[in-house]
Amino acid sequence: MISNRIILGWLCFSSVCCVTAGDVDLFERVEVETVDECTEPVDLKEEVLPEIENACGFCHVSGSFGNLNFGDPSGHLTPESFVEMLVDQPALQSEKPLIESGSEAGSYFVDRVLQRDASIMPPGGPSLDDNTLEALRCWIEQGATLEDD
């Protein structure tokens, strides 16, 4: 019997292969202006994580593909697991940290979702909408902490 992880891995791998083999240039750089002035506090749980889970969750919350899993041990994305796994943690593919608290420009995670420094994430999946991207970037600029901190 084939396990669900094998099937999930094959589906994720095959979708990446299809996307990289098509006409899409995954390494085309996108010029992005600096984040607008962030005056309102960002609610990570409400404004950012639902879209992150939708766009990234298949591989990086429940599946743990790509050597990065930002879900909790039970396979759920929580503000605590997101902060613990990404904020001020080293990236394997860059000298930048995954998310540098206080600097969205210094965050490899943002480089990937904005296609600034590497192939875009998610490959072939739904990208983050503009409102979520702005909220993520502002949350990072505001220190990338949980509301309780």
Protein backbone atom coordinates (compact mmCIF):
# COMPACT_ATOMS: atom_id res chain seq x y z
CA MET A 1 0.00 0.00 0.00
CA ILE A 2 1.39 3.41 -0.98
CA SER A 3 1.49 5.88 1.87
CA ASN A 4 -0.14 9.29 1.70
CA ARG A 5 3.27 10.96 2.16
CA ILE A 6 4.63 9.28 -0.96
CA ILE A 7 1.60 10.35 -2.98
CA LEU A 8 1.76 13.87 -1.54
CA GLY A 9 5.48 14.07 -2.32
CA TRP A 10 4.96 12.90 -5.87
CA LEU A 11 2.18 15.43 -6.43
CA CYS A 12 4.27 18.29 -5.07
CA PHE A 13 7.34 17.19 -7.06
CA SER A 14 5.38 16.73 -10.27
CA SER A 15 3.73 20.15 -9.95
CA VAL A 16 7.18 21.77 -9.55
CA CYS A 17 8.51 19.91 -12.58
CA CYS A 18 5.54 20.96 -14.70
CA VAL A 19 5.91 24.59 -13.72
CA THR A 20 9.66 24.75 -14.23
CA ALA A 21 9.36 22.99 -17.59
CA GLY A 22 6.78 25.44 -18.94
CA ASP A 23 7.07 28.96 -20.30
CA VAL A 24 7.19 30.51 -16.83
CA ASP A 25 10.54 32.02 -15.95
CA LEU A 26 10.82 31.22 -12.26
CA PHE A 27 14.02 33.24 -11.98
CA GLU A 28 12.81 36.51 -13.52
CA ARG A 29 13.41 39.23 -10.97
CA VAL A 30 10.60 41.50 -9.87
CA GLU A 31 11.36 45.08 -8.89
CA VAL A 32 9.54 45.82 -5.66
CA GLU A 33 9.41 49.17 -3.94
CA THR A 34 10.00 49.38 -0.24
CA VAL A 35 7.01 48.69 1.93
CA ASP A 36 4.66 51.62 2.48
CA GLU A 37 4.60 53.29 5.86
CA CYS A 38 3.18 50.76 8.30
CA THR A 39 1.18 52.68 10.85
CA GLU A 40 -1.41 50.12 11.97
CA PRO A 41 -0.38 47.00 13.93
CA VAL A 42 -0.71 43.82 11.87
CA ASP A 43 -2.66 40.86 13.23
CA LEU A 44 -0.51 37.95 12.07
CA LYS A 45 -3.18 35.35 12.80
CA GLU A 46 -5.99 37.12 10.96
CA GLU A 47 -4.26 39.13 8.23
CA VAL A 48 -1.35 36.93 7.17
CA LEU A 49 -1.55 33.29 8.20
CA PRO A 50 -4.77 32.26 6.42
CA GLU A 51 -3.26 33.15 3.03
CA ILE A 52 0.14 31.70 3.99
CA GLU A 53 -1.57 28.43 4.87
CA ASN A 54 -3.52 28.48 1.60
CA ALA A 55 -0.48 29.24 -0.56
CA CYS A 56 2.27 27.39 1.33
CA GLY A 57 0.51 24.89 3.58
CA PHE A 58 0.46 21.92 1.23
CA CYS A 59 4.24 21.64 1.22
CA HIS A 60 5.36 23.60 4.27
CA VAL A 61 2.77 22.96 6.99
CA SER A 62 1.42 19.47 6.64
CA GLY A 63 3.81 18.03 4.06
CA SER A 64 7.18 19.38 5.19
CA PHE A 65 8.66 19.42 1.70
CA GLY A 66 11.65 21.56 0.85
CA ASN A 67 13.29 21.05 4.26
CA LEU A 68 11.13 23.75 5.82
CA ASN A 69 8.06 23.09 7.90
CA PHE A 70 6.45 25.99 9.72
CA GLY A 71 3.54 24.08 11.16
CA ASP A 72 3.30 22.85 14.72
CA PRO A 73 3.94 19.16 15.57
CA SER A 74 0.28 18.32 14.93
CA GLY A 75 0.47 19.76 11.40
CA HIS A 76 -1.32 23.06 12.03
CA LEU A 77 -0.09 26.54 11.24
CA THR A 78 -0.17 28.73 14.33
CA PRO A 79 1.31 32.16 15.00
CA GLU A 80 3.66 30.54 17.50
CA SER A 81 4.91 27.89 15.07
CA PHE A 82 5.32 30.46 12.28
CA VAL A 83 7.41 32.77 14.47
CA GLU A 84 9.42 29.93 16.01
CA MET A 85 10.34 28.33 12.69
CA LEU A 86 10.95 31.46 10.60
CA VAL A 87 11.84 34.57 12.60
CA ASP A 88 15.59 35.09 12.91
CA GLN A 89 16.24 31.53 11.72
CA PRO A 90 18.91 30.80 9.08
CA ALA A 91 17.88 30.02 5.52
CA LEU A 92 19.58 27.08 3.83
CA GLN A 93 19.74 28.81 0.44
CA SER A 94 20.79 32.31 1.50
CA GLU A 95 22.97 34.21 3.90
CA LYS A 96 19.86 36.12 4.95
CA PRO A 97 17.68 34.77 7.75
CA LEU A 98 14.29 33.41 6.74
CA ILE A 99 12.58 36.39 8.39
CA GLU A 100 14.77 39.11 9.86
CA SER A 101 12.78 40.82 12.59
CA GLY A 102 12.48 44.49 11.71
CA SER A 103 13.68 44.15 8.09
CA GLU A 104 11.50 42.80 5.34
CA ALA A 105 14.27 43.64 2.85
CA GLY A 106 16.62 41.41 4.85
CA SER A 107 14.20 38.45 4.87
CA TYR A 108 14.75 35.54 2.50
CA PHE A 109 11.13 34.40 2.97
CA VAL A 110 9.94 37.70 1.49
CA ASP A 111 12.49 37.42 -1.32
CA ARG A 112 10.93 34.10 -2.27
CA VAL A 113 7.28 35.19 -2.22
CA LEU A 114 8.14 38.41 -4.08
CA GLN A 115 10.58 36.63 -6.43
CA ARG A 116 13.31 39.13 -5.53
CA ASP A 117 16.20 36.76 -4.98
CA ALA A 118 15.27 33.29 -6.20
CA SER A 119 12.52 31.33 -7.87
CA ILE A 120 9.06 32.36 -6.77
CA MET A 121 7.14 30.54 -4.09
CA PRO A 122 4.84 28.80 -4.33
CA PRO A 123 5.76 27.25 -7.69
CA GLY A 124 2.57 26.79 -9.64
CA GLY A 125 0.33 27.41 -6.64
CA PRO A 126 -1.75 30.38 -5.61
CA SER A 127 0.46 33.35 -4.82
CA LEU A 128 -0.15 35.65 -1.89
CA ASP A 129 -2.50 38.50 -2.68
CA ASP A 130 -1.30 42.10 -2.47
CA ASN A 131 -3.04 42.79 0.85
CA THR A 132 -1.42 39.75 2.48
CA LEU A 133 1.99 40.65 1.07
CA GLU A 134 1.69 44.19 2.42
CA ALA A 135 0.53 42.89 5.82
CA LEU A 136 3.40 40.36 5.95
CA ARG A 137 5.97 42.97 5.04
CA CYS A 138 4.56 45.44 7.61
CA TRP A 139 4.45 42.74 10.32
CA ILE A 140 8.13 42.04 9.70
CA GLU A 141 9.00 45.76 9.71
CA GLN A 142 7.12 46.09 13.02
CA GLY A 143 9.43 43.52 14.60
CA ALA A 144 7.92 40.15 13.55
CA THR A 145 6.62 39.31 17.02
CA LEU A 146 3.47 37.81 18.42
CA GLU A 147 0.86 40.27 19.66
CA ASP A 148 1.57 39.22 23.27
CA ASP A 149 5.27 40.15 23.04
